[in-house]
Amino acid sequence: MVLGIGTLLTLALPAQAEDMDWQVRRLLQPTPEEQQRDASGRVFIYDGLHEEQVNKAMDKQFHRVDAMMFVRTRVTSANGETEVEDDGCDD
């Protein structure tokens, strides 16, 4: 899905296991075409990734951070339960 709001946004749809695989691959090992889209100003919205994957991207792919947006990030609480981070997008 592509949204035109000033900058072109590409939305990753619901977080299923197979969706996670390609999102993580795109996040950490983008193809040359994906890198070109990022460089042209497109923003890709990653949906439902785990905080460890987001942190790894911030460490390894920081030069692409302007092309990344994360929603419904899953975090592990102190008691070991996985929770979805409130990104404030539903308000």
PDB file of N, CA and C in Angstrom:
ATOM      1  N   MET A   1       0.847  -1.166   0.000  1.00  0.00           N
ATOM      2  CA  MET A   1       0.000   0.000   0.000  1.00  0.00           C
ATOM      3  C   MET A   1       0.892   1.227   0.000  1.00  0.00           C
ATOM      4  N   VAL A   2       0.596   2.204  -0.808  1.00  0.00           N
ATOM      5  CA  VAL A   2       1.400   3.413  -0.900  1.00  0.00           C
ATOM      6  C   VAL A   2       0.516   4.602  -0.584  1.00  0.00           C
ATOM      7  N   LEU A   3       0.987   5.465   0.289  1.00  0.00           N
ATOM      8  CA  LEU A   3       0.254   6.657   0.681  1.00  0.00           C
ATOM      9  C   LEU A   3       1.035   7.880   0.236  1.00  0.00           C
ATOM     10  N   GLY A   4       0.379   8.870  -0.316  1.00  0.00           N
ATOM     11  CA  GLY A   4       1.078  10.085  -0.706  1.00  0.00           C
ATOM     12  C   GLY A   4       0.798  11.208   0.266  1.00  0.00           C
ATOM     13  N   ILE A   5       1.662  11.420   1.223  1.00  0.00           N
ATOM     14  CA  ILE A   5       1.517  12.479   2.209  1.00  0.00           C
ATOM     15  C   ILE A   5       2.829  13.253   2.213  1.00  0.00           C
ATOM     16  N   GLY A   6       3.025  14.128   1.269  1.00  0.00           N
ATOM     17  CA  GLY A   6       4.287  14.848   1.153  1.00  0.00           C
ATOM     18  C   GLY A   6       5.382  13.915   0.687  1.00  0.00           C
ATOM     19  N   THR A   7       5.883  13.122   1.584  1.00  0.00           N
ATOM     20  CA  THR A   7       6.861  12.088   1.258  1.00  0.00           C
ATOM     21  C   THR A   7       6.084  10.806   1.018  1.00  0.00           C
ATOM     22  N   LEU A   8       6.535  10.021   0.090  1.00  0.00           N
ATOM     23  CA  LEU A   8       5.852   8.773  -0.217  1.00  0.00           C
ATOM     24  C   LEU A   8       6.112   7.764   0.894  1.00  0.00           C
ATOM     25  N   LEU A   9       5.057   7.198   1.443  1.00  0.00           N
ATOM     26  CA  LEU A   9       5.161   6.211   2.511  1.00  0.00           C
ATOM     27  C   LEU A   9       4.730   4.859   1.971  1.00  0.00           C
ATOM     28  N   THR A  10       5.483   3.835   2.298  1.00  0.00           N
ATOM     29  CA  THR A  10       5.095   2.476   1.948  1.00  0.00           C
ATOM     30  C   THR A  10       4.766   1.763   3.242  1.00  0.00           C
ATOM     31  N   LEU A  11       3.596   1.185   3.320  1.00  0.00           N
ATOM     32  CA  LEU A  11       3.120   0.572   4.556  1.00  0.00           C
ATOM     33  C   LEU A  11       3.258  -0.936   4.496  1.00  0.00           C
ATOM     34  N   ALA A  12       3.892  -1.494   5.514  1.00  0.00           N
ATOM     35  CA  ALA A  12       3.950  -2.947   5.665  1.00  0.00           C
ATOM     36  C   ALA A  12       2.651  -3.369   6.335  1.00  0.00           C
ATOM     37  N   LEU A  13       1.941  -4.298   5.743  1.00  0.00           N
ATOM     38  CA  LEU A  13       0.655  -4.724   6.259  1.00  0.00           C
ATOM     39  C   LEU A  13       0.813  -5.730   7.398  1.00  0.00           C
ATOM     40  N   PRO A  14      -0.280  -6.201   8.005  1.00  0.00           N
ATOM     41  CA  PRO A  14      -0.261  -6.929   9.270  1.00  0.00           C
ATOM     42  C   PRO A  14       0.898  -7.901   9.492  1.00  0.00           C
ATOM     43  N   ALA A  15       1.267  -7.966  10.756  1.00  0.00           N
ATOM     44  CA  ALA A  15       2.463  -8.700  11.160  1.00  0.00           C
ATOM     45  C   ALA A  15       2.196 -10.189  11.337  1.00  0.00           C
ATOM     46  N   GLN A  16       2.298 -10.949  10.268  1.00  0.00           N
ATOM     47  CA  GLN A  16       2.248 -12.403  10.305  1.00  0.00           C
ATOM     48  C   GLN A  16       3.689 -12.894  10.227  1.00  0.00           C
ATOM     49  N   ALA A  17       3.930 -14.161  10.510  1.00  0.00           N
ATOM     50  CA  ALA A  17       5.292 -14.706  10.513  1.00  0.00           C
ATOM     51  C   ALA A  17       5.991 -14.487   9.182  1.00  0.00           C
ATOM     52  N   GLU A  18       5.311 -14.779   8.068  1.00  0.00           N
ATOM     53  CA  GLU A  18       5.956 -14.597   6.768  1.00  0.00           C
ATOM     54  C   GLU A  18       6.193 -13.123   6.465  1.00  0.00           C
ATOM     55  N   ASP A  19       5.315 -12.242   6.973  1.00  0.00           N
ATOM     56  CA  ASP A  19       5.521 -10.809   6.805  1.00  0.00           C
ATOM     57  C   ASP A  19       6.752 -10.354   7.570  1.00  0.00           C
ATOM     58  N   MET A  20       6.956 -10.938   8.739  1.00  0.00           N
ATOM     59  CA  MET A  20       8.119 -10.593   9.548  1.00  0.00           C
ATOM     60  C   MET A  20       9.408 -10.899   8.800  1.00  0.00           C
ATOM     61  N   ASP A  21       9.455 -12.068   8.165  1.00  0.00           N
ATOM     62  CA  ASP A  21      10.672 -12.480   7.469  1.00  0.00           C
ATOM     63  C   ASP A  21      11.083 -11.465   6.420  1.00  0.00           C
ATOM     64  N   TRP A  22      10.165 -11.039   5.560  1.00  0.00           N
ATOM     65  CA  TRP A  22      10.555 -10.109   4.509  1.00  0.00           C
ATOM     66  C   TRP A  22      10.787  -8.710   5.055  1.00  0.00           C
ATOM     67  N   GLN A  23      10.070  -8.335   6.118  1.00  0.00           N
ATOM     68  CA  GLN A  23      10.320  -7.024   6.711  1.00  0.00           C
ATOM     69  C   GLN A  23      11.716  -6.966   7.333  1.00  0.00           C
ATOM     70  N   VAL A  24      12.091  -8.023   8.048  1.00  0.00           N
ATOM     71  CA  VAL A  24      13.417  -8.065   8.672  1.00  0.00           C
ATOM     72  C   VAL A  24      14.495  -8.077   7.594  1.00  0.00           C
ATOM     73  N   ARG A  25      14.267  -8.847   6.540  1.00  0.00           N
ATOM     74  CA  ARG A  25      15.227  -8.877   5.439  1.00  0.00           C
ATOM     75  C   ARG A  25      15.366  -7.490   4.820  1.00  0.00           C
ATOM     76  N   ARG A  26      14.233  -6.818   4.570  1.00  0.00           N
ATOM     77  CA  ARG A  26      14.278  -5.485   3.974  1.00  0.00           C
ATOM     78  C   ARG A  26      14.963  -4.491   4.906  1.00  0.00           C
ATOM     79  N   LEU A  27      14.705  -4.623   6.188  1.00  0.00           N
ATOM     80  CA  LEU A  27      15.291  -3.723   7.170  1.00  0.00           C
ATOM     81  C   LEU A  27      16.799  -3.886   7.269  1.00  0.00           C
ATOM     82  N   LEU A  28      17.261  -5.127   7.342  1.00  0.00           N
ATOM     83  CA  LEU A  28      18.676  -5.381   7.613  1.00  0.00           C
ATOM     84  C   LEU A  28      19.508  -5.685   6.372  1.00  0.00           C
ATOM     85  N   GLN A  29      18.876  -6.141   5.298  1.00  0.00           N
ATOM     86  CA  GLN A  29      19.602  -6.478   4.066  1.00  0.00           C
ATOM     87  C   GLN A  29      18.814  -5.997   2.850  1.00  0.00           C
ATOM     88  N   PRO A  30      18.651  -4.688   2.704  1.00  0.00           N
ATOM     89  CA  PRO A  30      17.849  -4.175   1.591  1.00  0.00           C
ATOM     90  C   PRO A  30      18.511  -4.447   0.245  1.00  0.00           C
ATOM     91  N   THR A  31      17.681  -4.696  -0.755  1.00  0.00           N
ATOM     92  CA  THR A  31      18.188  -4.879  -2.114  1.00  0.00           C
ATOM     93  C   THR A  31      18.650  -3.521  -2.645  1.00  0.00           C
ATOM     94  N   PRO A  32      19.428  -3.511  -3.711  1.00  0.00           N
ATOM     95  CA  PRO A  32      19.820  -2.230  -4.319  1.00  0.00           C
ATOM     96  C   PRO A  32      18.601  -1.375  -4.703  1.00  0.00           C
ATOM     97  N   GLU A  33      17.541  -2.001  -5.184  1.00  0.00           N
ATOM     98  CA  GLU A  33      16.327  -1.268  -5.547  1.00  0.00           C
ATOM     99  C   GLU A  33      15.681  -0.637  -4.313  1.00  0.00           C
ATOM    100  N   GLU A  34      15.645  -1.377  -3.211  1.00  0.00           N
ATOM    101  CA  GLU A  34      15.073  -0.841  -1.972  1.00  0.00           C
ATOM    102  C   GLU A  34      15.930   0.301  -1.440  1.00  0.00           C
ATOM    103  N   GLN A  35      17.235   0.165  -1.532  1.00  0.00           N
ATOM    104  CA  GLN A  35      18.129   1.239  -1.101  1.00  0.00           C
ATOM    105  C   GLN A  35      17.912   2.491  -1.950  1.00  0.00           C
ATOM    106  N   GLN A  36      17.685   2.300  -3.238  1.00  0.00           N
ATOM    107  CA  GLN A  36      17.445   3.430  -4.135  1.00  0.00           C
ATOM    108  C   GLN A  36      16.136   4.134  -3.762  1.00  0.00           C
ATOM    109  N   ARG A  37      15.101   3.361  -3.454  1.00  0.00           N
ATOM    110  CA  ARG A  37      13.827   3.952  -3.024  1.00  0.00           C
ATOM    111  C   ARG A  37      14.012   4.746  -1.735  1.00  0.00           C
ATOM    112  N   ASP A  38      14.761   4.167  -0.793  1.00  0.00           N
ATOM    113  CA  ASP A  38      15.036   4.870   0.465  1.00  0.00           C
ATOM    114  C   ASP A  38      15.745   6.193   0.190  1.00  0.00           C
ATOM    115  N   ALA A  39      16.755   6.154  -0.664  1.00  0.00           N
ATOM    116  CA  ALA A  39      17.551   7.346  -0.975  1.00  0.00           C
ATOM    117  C   ALA A  39      16.728   8.410  -1.703  1.00  0.00           C
ATOM    118  N   SER A  40      15.668   7.982  -2.398  1.00  0.00           N
ATOM    119  CA  SER A  40      14.841   8.940  -3.136  1.00  0.00           C
ATOM    120  C   SER A  40      13.817   9.638  -2.243  1.00  0.00           C
ATOM    121  N   GLY A  41      13.780   9.273  -0.953  1.00  0.00           N
ATOM    122  CA  GLY A  41      12.891   9.948  -0.021  1.00  0.00           C
ATOM    123  C   GLY A  41      11.684   9.146   0.419  1.00  0.00           C
ATOM    124  N   ARG A  42      11.564   7.927  -0.023  1.00  0.00           N
ATOM    125  CA  ARG A  42      10.441   7.102   0.422  1.00  0.00           C
ATOM    126  C   ARG A  42      10.677   6.637   1.855  1.00  0.00           C
ATOM    127  N   VAL A  43       9.594   6.563   2.595  1.00  0.00           N
ATOM    128  CA  VAL A  43       9.642   6.078   3.974  1.00  0.00           C
ATOM    129  C   VAL A  43       8.900   4.754   4.015  1.00  0.00           C
ATOM    130  N   PHE A  44       9.536   3.732   4.577  1.00  0.00           N
ATOM    131  CA  PHE A  44       8.908   2.420   4.701  1.00  0.00           C
ATOM    132  C   PHE A  44       8.463   2.239   6.143  1.00  0.00           C
ATOM    133  N   ILE A  45       7.211   1.846   6.332  1.00  0.00           N
ATOM    134  CA  ILE A  45       6.658   1.646   7.670  1.00  0.00           C
ATOM    135  C   ILE A  45       6.740   0.163   8.010  1.00  0.00           C
ATOM    136  N   TYR A  46       7.552  -0.154   9.019  1.00  0.00           N
ATOM    137  CA  TYR A  46       7.721  -1.529   9.488  1.00  0.00           C
ATOM    138  C   TYR A  46       6.714  -1.770  10.600  1.00  0.00           C
ATOM    139  N   ASP A  47       5.931  -2.838  10.471  1.00  0.00           N
ATOM    140  CA  ASP A  47       4.819  -3.095  11.369  1.00  0.00           C
ATOM    141  C   ASP A  47       5.055  -4.347  12.197  1.00  0.00           C
ATOM    142  N   GLY A  48       5.076  -4.200  13.525  1.00  0.00           N
ATOM    143  CA  GLY A  48       5.091  -5.348  14.421  1.00  0.00           C
ATOM    144  C   GLY A  48       6.431  -6.012  14.638  1.00  0.00           C
ATOM    145  N   LEU A  49       7.526  -5.331  14.305  1.00  0.00           N
ATOM    146  CA  LEU A  49       8.841  -5.927  14.548  1.00  0.00           C
ATOM    147  C   LEU A  49       9.150  -5.922  16.039  1.00  0.00           C
ATOM    148  N   HIS A  50      10.077  -6.766  16.453  1.00  0.00           N
ATOM    149  CA  HIS A  50      10.499  -6.809  17.851  1.00  0.00           C
ATOM    150  C   HIS A  50      11.555  -5.735  18.089  1.00  0.00           C
ATOM    151  N   GLU A  51      11.587  -5.217  19.293  1.00  0.00           N
ATOM    152  CA  GLU A  51      12.525  -4.144  19.628  1.00  0.00           C
ATOM    153  C   GLU A  51      13.978  -4.510  19.331  1.00  0.00           C
ATOM    154  N   GLU A  52      14.340  -5.787  19.459  1.00  0.00           N
ATOM    155  CA  GLU A  52      15.714  -6.205  19.167  1.00  0.00           C
ATOM    156  C   GLU A  52      16.049  -5.997  17.693  1.00  0.00           C
ATOM    157  N   GLN A  53      15.080  -6.248  16.815  1.00  0.00           N
ATOM    158  CA  GLN A  53      15.293  -6.035  15.383  1.00  0.00           C
ATOM    159  C   GLN A  53      15.424  -4.544  15.073  1.00  0.00           C
ATOM    160  N   VAL A  54      14.598  -3.732  15.721  1.00  0.00           N
ATOM    161  CA  VAL A  54      14.667  -2.281  15.529  1.00  0.00           C
ATOM    162  C   VAL A  54      16.010  -1.756  16.027  1.00  0.00           C
ATOM    163  N   ASN A  55      16.441  -2.204  17.200  1.00  0.00           N
ATOM    164  CA  ASN A  55      17.724  -1.760  17.748  1.00  0.00           C
ATOM    165  C   ASN A  55      18.888  -2.176  16.861  1.00  0.00           C
ATOM    166  N   LYS A  56      18.828  -3.385  16.313  1.00  0.00           N
ATOM    167  CA  LYS A  56      19.882  -3.848  15.410  1.00  0.00           C
ATOM    168  C   LYS A  56      19.949  -2.950  14.176  1.00  0.00           C
ATOM    169  N   ALA A  57      18.790  -2.583  13.645  1.00  0.00           N
ATOM    170  CA  ALA A  57      18.759  -1.689  12.484  1.00  0.00           C
ATOM    171  C   ALA A  57      19.335  -0.321  12.835  1.00  0.00           C
ATOM    172  N   MET A  58      19.049   0.168  14.024  1.00  0.00           N
ATOM    173  CA  MET A  58      19.593   1.466  14.431  1.00  0.00           C
ATOM    174  C   MET A  58      21.117   1.409  14.525  1.00  0.00           C
ATOM    175  N   ASP A  59      21.650   0.261  14.923  1.00  0.00           N
ATOM    176  CA  ASP A  59      23.105   0.090  15.008  1.00  0.00           C
ATOM    177  C   ASP A  59      23.746  -0.130  13.644  1.00  0.00           C
ATOM    178  N   LYS A  60      23.124  -0.969  12.812  1.00  0.00           N
ATOM    179  CA  LYS A  60      23.749  -1.404  11.551  1.00  0.00           C
ATOM    180  C   LYS A  60      23.318  -0.596  10.329  1.00  0.00           C
ATOM    181  N   GLN A  61      22.135   0.000  10.371  1.00  0.00           N
ATOM    182  CA  GLN A  61      21.585   0.685   9.199  1.00  0.00           C
ATOM    183  C   GLN A  61      21.218   2.139   9.504  1.00  0.00           C
ATOM    184  N   PHE A  62      21.927   2.765  10.421  1.00  0.00           N
ATOM    185  CA  PHE A  62      21.553   4.106  10.867  1.00  0.00           C
ATOM    186  C   PHE A  62      21.526   5.114   9.721  1.00  0.00           C
ATOM    187  N   HIS A  63      22.367   4.912   8.724  1.00  0.00           N
ATOM    188  CA  HIS A  63      22.404   5.835   7.580  1.00  0.00           C
ATOM    189  C   HIS A  63      21.079   5.845   6.804  1.00  0.00           C
ATOM    190  N   ARG A  64      20.213   4.874   7.052  1.00  0.00           N
ATOM    191  CA  ARG A  64      18.913   4.788   6.382  1.00  0.00           C
ATOM    192  C   ARG A  64      17.755   5.196   7.286  1.00  0.00           C
ATOM    193  N   VAL A  65      18.038   5.707   8.470  1.00  0.00           N
ATOM    194  CA  VAL A  65      16.995   5.955   9.461  1.00  0.00           C
ATOM    195  C   VAL A  65      15.916   6.918   8.954  1.00  0.00           C
ATOM    196  N   ASP A  66      16.253   7.840   8.072  1.00  0.00           N
ATOM    197  CA  ASP A  66      15.251   8.764   7.534  1.00  0.00           C
ATOM    198  C   ASP A  66      14.200   8.054   6.692  1.00  0.00           C
ATOM    199  N   ALA A  67      14.473   6.834   6.269  1.00  0.00           N
ATOM    200  CA  ALA A  67      13.552   6.077   5.422  1.00  0.00           C
ATOM    201  C   ALA A  67      12.795   5.011   6.210  1.00  0.00           C
ATOM    202  N   MET A  68      12.879   5.056   7.544  1.00  0.00           N
ATOM    203  CA  MET A  68      12.262   4.025   8.381  1.00  0.00           C
ATOM    204  C   MET A  68      11.245   4.634   9.341  1.00  0.00           C
ATOM    205  N   MET A  69      10.143   3.924   9.512  1.00  0.00           N
ATOM    206  CA  MET A  69       9.173   4.259  10.548  1.00  0.00           C
ATOM    207  C   MET A  69       8.717   2.932  11.143  1.00  0.00           C
ATOM    208  N   PHE A  70       8.570   2.887  12.456  1.00  0.00           N
ATOM    209  CA  PHE A  70       8.190   1.646  13.132  1.00  0.00           C
ATOM    210  C   PHE A  70       6.875   1.847  13.878  1.00  0.00           C
ATOM    211  N   VAL A  71       5.925   0.938  13.665  1.00  0.00           N
ATOM    212  CA  VAL A  71       4.652   0.967  14.385  1.00  0.00           C
ATOM    213  C   VAL A  71       4.417  -0.398  15.015  1.00  0.00           C
ATOM    214  N   ARG A  72       3.654  -0.389  16.083  1.00  0.00           N
ATOM    215  CA  ARG A  72       3.303  -1.614  16.831  1.00  0.00           C
ATOM    216  C   ARG A  72       4.530  -2.464  17.135  1.00  0.00           C
ATOM    217  N   THR A  73       5.608  -1.803  17.551  1.00  0.00           N
ATOM    218  CA  THR A  73       6.834  -2.512  17.911  1.00  0.00           C
ATOM    219  C   THR A  73       6.568  -3.370  19.141  1.00  0.00           C
ATOM    220  N   ARG A  74       7.020  -4.612  19.085  1.00  0.00           N
ATOM    221  CA  ARG A  74       6.841  -5.542  20.201  1.00  0.00           C
ATOM    222  C   ARG A  74       8.042  -5.427  21.132  1.00  0.00           C
ATOM    223  N   VAL A  75       7.769  -5.271  22.415  1.00  0.00           N
ATOM    224  CA  VAL A  75       8.823  -5.169  23.423  1.00  0.00           C
ATOM    225  C   VAL A  75       8.623  -6.262  24.463  1.00  0.00           C
ATOM    226  N   THR A  76       9.718  -6.675  25.075  1.00  0.00           N
ATOM    227  CA  THR A  76       9.647  -7.673  26.137  1.00  0.00           C
ATOM    228  C   THR A  76       9.717  -6.939  27.466  1.00  0.00           C
ATOM    229  N   SER A  77       8.691  -7.123  28.291  1.00  0.00           N
ATOM    230  CA  SER A  77       8.628  -6.449  29.587  1.00  0.00           C
ATOM    231  C   SER A  77       9.584  -7.106  30.575  1.00  0.00           C
ATOM    232  N   ALA A  78       9.735  -6.488  31.729  1.00  0.00           N
ATOM    233  CA  ALA A  78      10.627  -6.998  32.770  1.00  0.00           C
ATOM    234  C   ALA A  78      10.233  -8.411  33.217  1.00  0.00           C
ATOM    235  N   ASN A  79       8.945  -8.737  33.138  1.00  0.00           N
ATOM    236  CA  ASN A  79       8.498 -10.076  33.554  1.00  0.00           C
ATOM    237  C   ASN A  79       8.544 -11.090  32.406  1.00  0.00           C
ATOM    238  N   GLY A  80       9.101 -10.690  31.259  1.00  0.00           N
ATOM    239  CA  GLY A  80       9.292 -11.614  30.148  1.00  0.00           C
ATOM    240  C   GLY A  80       8.143 -11.717  29.164  1.00  0.00           C
ATOM    241  N   GLU A  81       7.080 -10.952  29.392  1.00  0.00           N
ATOM    242  CA  GLU A  81       5.945 -10.983  28.475  1.00  0.00           C
ATOM    243  C   GLU A  81       6.184 -10.029  27.306  1.00  0.00           C
ATOM    244  N   THR A  82       5.697 -10.412  26.135  1.00  0.00           N
ATOM    245  CA  THR A  82       5.809  -9.549  24.965  1.00  0.00           C
ATOM    246  C   THR A  82       4.592  -8.642  24.903  1.00  0.00           C
ATOM    247  N   GLU A  83       4.845  -7.356  24.779  1.00  0.00           N
ATOM    248  CA  GLU A  83       3.785  -6.361  24.703  1.00  0.00           C
ATOM    249  C   GLU A  83       3.993  -5.531  23.445  1.00  0.00           C
ATOM    250  N   VAL A  84       2.933  -4.911  22.974  1.00  0.00           N
ATOM    251  CA  VAL A  84       3.034  -4.020  21.825  1.00  0.00           C
ATOM    252  C   VAL A  84       3.187  -2.605  22.353  1.00  0.00           C
ATOM    253  N   GLU A  85       4.246  -1.936  21.901  1.00  0.00           N
ATOM    254  CA  GLU A  85       4.529  -0.574  22.328  1.00  0.00           C
ATOM    255  C   GLU A  85       3.447   0.368  21.816  1.00  0.00           C
ATOM    256  N   ASP A  86       2.988   1.276  22.670  1.00  0.00           N
ATOM    257  CA  ASP A  86       1.995   2.266  22.264  1.00  0.00           C
ATOM    258  C   ASP A  86       2.705   3.358  21.483  1.00  0.00           C
ATOM    259  N   ASP A  87       2.438   3.412  20.172  1.00  0.00           N
ATOM    260  CA  ASP A  87       3.098   4.411  19.338  1.00  0.00           C
ATOM    261  C   ASP A  87       2.281   5.684  19.200  1.00  0.00           C
ATOM    262  N   GLY A  88       1.087   5.709  19.802  1.00  0.00           N
ATOM    263  CA  GLY A  88       0.255   6.897  19.775  1.00  0.00           C
ATOM    264  C   GLY A  88      -0.439   7.152  18.450  1.00  0.00           C
ATOM    265  N   CYS A  89      -0.345   6.218  17.515  1.00  0.00           N
ATOM    266  CA  CYS A  89      -0.935   6.426  16.186  1.00  0.00           C
ATOM    267  C   CYS A  89      -2.445   6.256  16.168  1.00  0.00           C
ATOM    268  N   ASP A  90      -3.014   5.615  17.170  1.00  0.00           N
ATOM    269  CA  ASP A  90      -4.456   5.377  17.183  1.00  0.00           C
ATOM    270  C   ASP A  90      -5.225   6.509  17.839  1.00  0.00           C
ATOM    271  N   ASP A  91      -4.532   7.452  18.433  1.00  0.00           N
ATOM    272  CA  ASP A  91      -5.202   8.551  19.150  1.00  0.00           C
ATOM    273  C   ASP A  91      -5.703   9.602  18.206  1.00  0.00           C
TER     274      ASP A  91
END
